[in-house]
Amino acid sequence: MPYKRKHSRYWWVDFTDASGKRVRRSTGATTRKEAKALEAKWKLEAYKEKQWDEEPQRTFDELMLNYLKATETTKATHGRDRCSMKHLYPVFTGTSVADIDTVTIRAYINQRKADGAAASTINKEVGLMSVAINYARKEWGWNLPNPVQGNRVPEPEGRVRWITREEAQALIAAAGCEPRAPHLPDFLRLALHTGMRRGEMLGLEWRRVDLRSDLVYLNAQHTKTQRRRSIPLNAVAKDALLSRARFRATHCPDSSWVFCHRDGRRIGDIKHAFTSACRRAGIENFRIHDLRHTCAAWLVQAGAALDRVRDLLGHTSVATTEIYAHLAPENVRLKNWRAQEDSNL
């Protein structure tokens, strides 16, 4: 029978799968009636598979909707996943996952290219399907092929757009003029001085903030790379969090979220307010993720070693961090020296 877990808004079920393994699984349903229907469906599928070796037909909708529900509160890139789903859904809805093959994936990629989508955007979209399939295989025991493997689009060298400290001050001042986003200046200061991703900050809970030790703790489920890390806080970052703490004490003392509305609800996105602040500050071609680039650029320019920057930003390898290497003081001096030598020839 469906049951509730502490701190979960969804109903869970407990049954035995076709292999005889006990399965405890969230239904993703908020009503007991819907949970019972899903439990009956899964038990019937397990019975057919065990008795008649009949593999259940899994649709794209069933796969993706269940995956998005299962990872809604644990995945830092959930918002990005929902954006990817808007492009995948019209193409694959109603399709059996078993009927999605390499040819189908390549056709989708070619169509998105024709639409003008960037290589990184296309990779995020098909990558979402790949991750969902792997999740279903591991967590739910679904026997599914993964047609996405080996079908990624080559991406150009990573974009590095950063702003100066003077521009950052102008952006923060402009953010203070956004009446509907009083949290934006604190968000900007925390991003610029920690390098945290948007999802990591908007999903940050107070229980993972240690103001005494000047650290923020990110567990594996809170990061894009699924690796835990701790973020040191400098004076500016700590002041931003203290500002958020004062907001919480005044308006919503029971809220668990660092970035929340007056009623305590978690803030879902800041895109519109951020775009407006950039426009007011006269800063062009600047995205939210570029705050992270700016943090890295400032650190490298100050002489920080690339491996230290890698650990702070949570890159999986120093190769990713090397896109900032040209900003290191010794490299800048070498470049200027070579330019001067060339001019003397």
Protein backbone atom coordinates (compact mmCIF):
# COMPACT_ATOMS: atom_id res chain seq x y z
CA MET A 1 0.00 0.00 0.00
CA PRO A 2 1.24 3.54 -0.68
CA TYR A 3 2.82 5.34 2.24
CA LYS A 4 4.29 8.74 3.06
CA ARG A 5 7.92 9.43 3.97
CA LYS A 6 8.96 12.17 6.33
CA HIS A 7 9.74 15.44 4.51
CA SER A 8 8.43 14.06 1.17
CA ARG A 9 5.38 15.52 -0.55
CA TYR A 10 4.98 12.37 -2.68
CA TRP A 11 3.51 8.93 -1.94
CA TRP A 12 5.89 5.95 -1.97
CA VAL A 13 5.29 2.27 -2.70
CA ASP A 14 7.02 -0.95 -1.69
CA PHE A 15 6.83 -4.01 -3.97
CA THR A 16 8.88 -6.90 -5.41
CA ASP A 17 10.14 -6.60 -8.97
CA ALA A 18 10.50 -9.35 -11.59
CA SER A 19 13.92 -10.38 -10.29
CA GLY A 20 12.62 -10.80 -6.73
CA LYS A 21 14.30 -7.63 -5.53
CA ARG A 22 12.41 -5.44 -3.07
CA VAL A 23 11.77 -1.98 -4.54
CA ARG A 24 10.96 1.16 -2.54
CA ARG A 25 10.09 3.88 -4.98
CA SER A 26 8.50 7.34 -5.08
CA THR A 27 5.43 7.48 -7.27
CA GLY A 28 5.82 11.20 -7.88
CA ALA A 29 2.10 11.42 -7.03
CA THR A 30 0.69 13.78 -4.41
CA THR A 31 -2.61 11.89 -3.98
CA ARG A 32 -3.05 8.41 -2.54
CA LYS A 33 -5.47 7.44 -5.32
CA GLU A 34 -2.96 8.19 -8.07
CA ALA A 35 -0.22 6.41 -6.11
CA LYS A 36 -2.35 3.26 -5.80
CA ALA A 37 -2.97 3.24 -9.54
CA LEU A 38 0.76 3.49 -10.26
CA GLU A 39 1.51 0.77 -7.71
CA ALA A 40 -0.98 -1.58 -9.41
CA LYS A 41 0.52 -0.81 -12.82
CA TRP A 42 4.09 -1.50 -11.68
CA LYS A 43 3.10 -4.72 -9.91
CA LEU A 44 1.32 -5.95 -13.06
CA GLU A 45 4.36 -5.15 -15.19
CA ALA A 46 6.61 -7.01 -12.74
CA TYR A 47 4.26 -10.02 -12.82
CA LYS A 48 4.18 -10.13 -16.64
CA GLU A 49 7.93 -9.82 -16.85
CA LYS A 50 8.45 -12.60 -14.30
CA GLN A 51 5.82 -15.04 -15.59
CA TRP A 52 6.02 -14.45 -19.34
CA ASP A 53 9.34 -12.67 -19.76
CA GLU A 54 7.37 -9.76 -21.20
CA GLU A 55 9.30 -6.50 -21.25
CA PRO A 56 7.02 -3.52 -20.44
CA GLN A 57 6.66 -0.83 -23.08
CA ARG A 58 8.11 2.42 -21.71
CA THR A 59 7.06 5.64 -23.36
CA PHE A 60 9.13 8.79 -23.61
CA ASP A 61 6.50 10.61 -21.53
CA GLU A 62 6.62 8.02 -18.76
CA LEU A 63 10.41 8.09 -18.68
CA MET A 64 10.92 11.84 -18.69
CA LEU A 65 8.05 12.90 -16.45
CA ASN A 66 8.98 10.33 -13.81
CA TYR A 67 12.63 11.38 -14.01
CA LEU A 68 11.83 15.10 -13.65
CA LYS A 69 9.62 14.37 -10.66
CA ALA A 70 12.23 12.14 -9.03
CA THR A 71 14.98 14.77 -9.36
CA GLU A 72 12.90 17.91 -8.81
CA THR A 73 14.32 18.73 -5.37
CA THR A 74 17.74 17.09 -5.65
CA LYS A 75 19.17 18.19 -8.98
CA ALA A 76 20.78 21.60 -9.27
CA THR A 77 20.03 21.84 -13.01
CA HIS A 78 16.33 21.01 -12.75
CA GLY A 79 15.35 24.37 -14.24
CA ARG A 80 17.66 23.80 -17.20
CA ASP A 81 16.17 20.29 -17.64
CA ARG A 82 12.67 21.73 -17.91
CA CYS A 83 13.84 24.09 -20.65
CA SER A 84 15.36 21.15 -22.55
CA MET A 85 12.14 19.20 -22.13
CA LYS A 86 10.19 21.94 -23.94
CA HIS A 87 12.12 21.09 -27.12
CA LEU A 88 12.19 17.30 -26.66
CA TYR A 89 8.52 16.83 -25.81
CA PRO A 90 6.86 17.89 -29.10
CA VAL A 91 9.14 15.54 -31.03
CA PHE A 92 9.09 12.42 -28.84
CA THR A 93 5.80 12.51 -26.92
CA GLY A 94 3.87 9.24 -27.23
CA THR A 95 6.89 7.41 -28.63
CA SER A 96 8.09 4.16 -27.10
CA VAL A 97 11.64 4.54 -25.80
CA ALA A 98 12.51 1.27 -27.54
CA ASP A 99 11.64 2.92 -30.88
CA ILE A 100 14.04 5.83 -30.31
CA ASP A 101 17.28 4.77 -31.99
CA THR A 102 20.49 6.37 -33.22
CA VAL A 103 18.86 7.46 -36.49
CA THR A 104 16.05 9.17 -34.54
CA ILE A 105 18.50 11.01 -32.30
CA ARG A 106 20.60 12.18 -35.25
CA ALA A 107 17.47 13.41 -37.02
CA TYR A 108 16.57 15.42 -33.92
CA ILE A 109 20.08 16.86 -33.73
CA ASN A 110 20.01 17.86 -37.41
CA GLN A 111 16.63 19.54 -36.99
CA ARG A 112 17.82 21.52 -33.95
CA LYS A 113 20.89 22.60 -35.94
CA ALA A 114 18.60 23.79 -38.71
CA ASP A 115 16.61 25.73 -36.09
CA GLY A 116 19.81 27.56 -35.18
CA ALA A 117 20.31 25.97 -31.74
CA ALA A 118 23.87 26.07 -30.39
CA ALA A 119 25.85 22.83 -30.07
CA SER A 120 25.93 23.17 -26.28
CA THR A 121 22.13 23.60 -26.19
CA ILE A 122 21.56 20.51 -28.34
CA ASN A 123 23.93 18.48 -26.15
CA LYS A 124 22.04 19.54 -23.04
CA GLU A 125 18.77 18.41 -24.61
CA VAL A 126 19.83 14.97 -25.83
CA GLY A 127 22.03 14.65 -22.74
CA LEU A 128 18.93 15.01 -20.57
CA MET A 129 17.36 12.02 -22.30
CA SER A 130 20.56 10.03 -21.85
CA VAL A 131 20.77 10.84 -18.13
CA ALA A 132 17.10 9.94 -17.66
CA ILE A 133 17.58 6.56 -19.36
CA ASN A 134 20.63 5.78 -17.23
CA TYR A 135 18.74 6.84 -14.10
CA ALA A 136 15.80 4.57 -14.99
CA ARG A 137 18.15 1.63 -15.59
CA LYS A 138 19.95 2.11 -12.29
CA GLU A 139 17.16 3.22 -9.96
CA TRP A 140 14.08 1.53 -11.41
CA GLY A 141 15.57 -1.53 -13.09
CA TRP A 142 14.22 -0.62 -16.54
CA ASN A 143 15.88 -2.53 -19.37
CA LEU A 144 16.33 0.30 -21.85
CA PRO A 145 18.88 0.94 -24.62
CA ASN A 146 20.60 4.33 -24.66
CA PRO A 147 20.63 5.62 -28.26
CA VAL A 148 22.15 8.96 -27.21
CA GLN A 149 25.58 7.48 -26.44
CA GLY A 150 28.07 8.51 -29.10
CA ASN A 151 25.69 11.08 -30.58
CA ARG A 152 26.87 14.41 -29.20
CA VAL A 153 27.60 17.53 -31.23
CA PRO A 154 31.22 18.81 -31.18
CA GLU A 155 31.28 22.08 -29.25
CA PRO A 156 33.53 25.07 -29.97
CA GLU A 157 35.94 26.39 -27.37
CA GLY A 158 34.10 27.50 -24.25
CA ARG A 159 32.77 31.06 -24.10
CA VAL A 160 34.56 33.27 -21.58
CA ARG A 161 32.77 36.55 -20.90
CA TRP A 162 33.63 38.41 -17.71
CA ILE A 163 33.31 41.93 -16.35
CA THR A 164 35.66 44.21 -14.42
CA ARG A 165 35.18 45.06 -10.76
CA GLU A 166 33.98 48.52 -11.75
CA GLU A 167 31.36 47.02 -14.06
CA ALA A 168 30.35 44.61 -11.30
CA GLN A 169 29.77 47.51 -8.90
CA ALA A 170 27.62 49.24 -11.51
CA LEU A 171 25.63 46.03 -12.04
CA ILE A 172 25.02 45.57 -8.31
CA ALA A 173 23.92 49.20 -8.00
CA ALA A 174 21.53 48.72 -10.92
CA ALA A 175 20.19 45.54 -9.31
CA GLY A 176 19.30 47.58 -6.23
CA CYS A 177 16.83 49.48 -8.40
CA GLU A 178 14.81 46.35 -9.17
CA PRO A 179 11.82 46.68 -6.78
CA ARG A 180 10.45 43.24 -7.56
CA ALA A 181 13.80 41.51 -6.94
CA PRO A 182 15.25 42.75 -3.62
CA HIS A 183 17.33 39.58 -3.49
CA LEU A 184 19.23 40.33 -6.72
CA PRO A 185 22.14 42.41 -5.26
CA ASP A 186 22.88 39.66 -2.73
CA PHE A 187 22.67 37.02 -5.45
CA LEU A 188 25.17 38.94 -7.58
CA ARG A 189 27.62 39.49 -4.76
CA LEU A 190 27.49 35.83 -3.71
CA ALA A 191 27.94 34.63 -7.29
CA LEU A 192 30.84 36.98 -8.05
CA HIS A 193 32.74 36.04 -4.90
CA THR A 194 32.11 32.27 -4.72
CA GLY A 195 31.69 31.15 -8.35
CA MET A 196 28.63 29.10 -7.42
CA ARG A 197 26.21 28.15 -10.17
CA ARG A 198 22.73 29.67 -10.36
CA GLY A 199 21.06 26.40 -9.37
CA GLU A 200 23.46 25.88 -6.48
CA MET A 201 22.56 29.28 -5.04
CA LEU A 202 18.82 29.23 -5.66
CA GLY A 203 18.71 25.75 -4.12
CA LEU A 204 20.85 26.69 -1.13
CA GLU A 205 19.37 25.93 2.30
CA TRP A 206 20.39 27.58 5.55
CA ARG A 207 21.37 24.25 7.10
CA ARG A 208 24.27 24.10 4.62
CA VAL A 209 25.55 27.58 5.48
CA ASP A 210 28.14 27.85 8.27
CA LEU A 211 28.72 31.54 8.98
CA ARG A 212 31.00 30.76 11.93
CA SER A 213 33.42 28.81 9.76
CA ASP A 214 32.75 30.99 6.69
CA LEU A 215 31.80 27.99 4.54
CA VAL A 216 28.93 26.83 2.35
CA TYR A 217 28.54 23.08 1.91
CA LEU A 218 27.29 21.56 -1.33
CA ASN A 219 26.46 17.86 -1.29
CA ALA A 220 26.65 15.71 -4.42
CA GLN A 221 22.93 16.07 -5.18
CA HIS A 222 23.23 19.85 -5.14
CA THR A 223 25.95 20.14 -7.80
CA LYS A 224 26.00 19.71 -11.56
CA THR A 225 28.95 17.30 -11.41
CA GLN A 226 27.42 15.22 -8.59
CA ARG A 227 30.48 15.85 -6.41
CA ARG A 228 30.39 17.43 -2.99
CA ARG A 229 32.46 20.51 -2.28
CA SER A 230 32.75 23.30 0.26
CA ILE A 231 32.82 26.97 -0.71
CA PRO A 232 34.89 29.44 1.35
CA LEU A 233 33.29 32.81 2.02
CA ASN A 234 35.21 36.05 1.78
CA ALA A 235 33.93 39.22 3.43
CA VAL A 236 31.71 40.24 0.50
CA ALA A 237 30.10 36.78 0.14
CA LYS A 238 29.52 36.54 3.88
CA ASP A 239 27.94 39.99 3.95
CA ALA A 240 25.56 38.92 1.17
CA LEU A 241 24.46 35.91 3.23
CA LEU A 242 24.05 38.03 6.36
CA SER A 243 21.81 40.33 4.34
CA ARG A 244 19.71 37.30 3.35
CA ALA A 245 19.59 36.21 6.99
CA ARG A 246 18.23 39.62 8.03
CA PHE A 247 15.58 39.39 5.29
CA ARG A 248 14.58 35.96 6.53
CA ALA A 249 14.39 37.09 10.18
CA THR A 250 12.16 39.99 9.20
CA HIS A 251 9.77 38.32 6.77
CA CYS A 252 9.91 34.49 6.89
CA PRO A 253 11.89 33.11 9.88
CA ASP A 254 10.74 29.56 9.17
CA SER A 255 11.93 29.44 5.56
CA SER A 256 14.72 26.97 4.84
CA TRP A 257 15.83 28.75 1.66
CA VAL A 258 18.58 31.35 1.47
CA PHE A 259 16.97 32.98 -1.56
CA CYS A 260 13.27 33.17 -0.87
CA HIS A 261 10.26 35.43 -1.26
CA ARG A 262 8.65 37.27 1.66
CA ASP A 263 6.30 34.31 2.21
CA GLY A 264 9.25 31.91 2.46
CA ARG A 265 8.82 30.27 -0.95
CA ARG A 266 11.98 29.42 -2.82
CA ILE A 267 12.89 31.84 -5.64
CA GLY A 268 12.70 29.91 -8.89
CA ASP A 269 14.53 32.19 -11.33
CA ILE A 270 16.11 35.63 -11.62
CA LYS A 271 16.52 35.87 -15.39
CA HIS A 272 14.19 38.80 -16.07
CA ALA A 273 15.46 40.92 -13.17
CA PHE A 274 19.08 40.13 -14.11
CA THR A 275 18.51 41.12 -17.75
CA SER A 276 16.87 44.36 -16.64
CA ALA A 277 19.78 45.19 -14.30
CA CYS A 278 22.32 44.56 -17.08
CA ARG A 279 20.42 46.86 -19.39
CA ARG A 280 20.25 49.59 -16.75
CA ALA A 281 24.00 49.24 -16.06
CA GLY A 282 24.85 49.34 -19.76
CA ILE A 283 26.42 45.86 -19.73
CA GLU A 284 25.82 43.93 -22.95
CA ASN A 285 26.18 40.27 -23.93
CA PHE A 286 26.35 39.16 -20.30
CA ARG A 287 24.57 36.09 -18.92
CA ILE A 288 23.96 34.81 -15.41
CA HIS A 289 26.56 32.06 -15.91
CA ASP A 290 29.10 34.76 -16.79
CA LEU A 291 29.10 35.75 -13.11
CA ARG A 292 30.87 32.44 -12.56
CA HIS A 293 33.33 33.23 -15.37
CA THR A 294 33.96 36.59 -13.74
CA CYS A 295 34.77 35.02 -10.38
CA ALA A 296 37.25 32.67 -12.06
CA ALA A 297 38.79 35.49 -14.10
CA TRP A 298 39.33 37.65 -11.02
CA LEU A 299 40.97 34.77 -9.16
CA VAL A 300 43.34 33.89 -12.01
CA GLN A 301 44.25 37.54 -12.52
CA ALA A 302 45.09 37.75 -8.81
CA GLY A 303 47.53 34.86 -9.23
CA ALA A 304 45.44 31.94 -7.95
CA ALA A 305 46.66 28.55 -9.18
CA LEU A 306 44.41 26.83 -11.71
CA ASP A 307 43.97 23.76 -9.53
CA ARG A 308 42.69 25.97 -6.70
CA VAL A 309 40.22 27.62 -9.07
CA ARG A 310 39.20 24.17 -10.32
CA ASP A 311 38.39 23.00 -6.79
CA LEU A 312 36.44 26.14 -5.94
CA LEU A 313 34.31 26.04 -9.08
CA GLY A 314 33.85 22.26 -8.93
CA HIS A 315 35.27 21.45 -12.35
CA THR A 316 35.86 17.74 -12.95
CA SER A 317 39.34 18.42 -14.32
CA VAL A 318 41.83 21.25 -14.56
CA ALA A 319 41.45 21.08 -18.36
CA THR A 320 38.09 22.83 -17.99
CA THR A 321 39.69 25.55 -15.87
CA GLU A 322 42.43 26.14 -18.42
CA ILE A 323 40.13 28.35 -20.48
CA TYR A 324 41.07 31.07 -17.97
CA ALA A 325 44.83 30.42 -18.18
CA HIS A 326 45.42 33.30 -20.59
CA LEU A 327 44.33 35.70 -17.84
CA ALA A 328 47.16 34.69 -15.47
CA PRO A 329 49.56 37.62 -14.75
CA GLU A 330 52.63 35.79 -16.10
CA ASN A 331 50.81 34.90 -19.34
CA VAL A 332 49.57 38.46 -19.78
CA ARG A 333 53.09 39.80 -19.25
CA LEU A 334 54.48 37.27 -21.75
CA LYS A 335 51.87 38.24 -24.32
CA ASN A 336 52.66 41.95 -23.88
CA TRP A 337 56.40 41.23 -24.11
CA ARG A 338 55.93 39.30 -27.35
CA ALA A 339 53.81 42.10 -28.80
CA GLN A 340 56.51 44.63 -27.92
CA GLU A 341 59.23 42.46 -29.44
CA ASP A 342 57.22 42.06 -32.64
CA SER A 343 56.81 45.83 -32.88
CA ASN A 344 60.58 46.28 -32.61
CA LEU A 345 61.32 43.94 -35.49
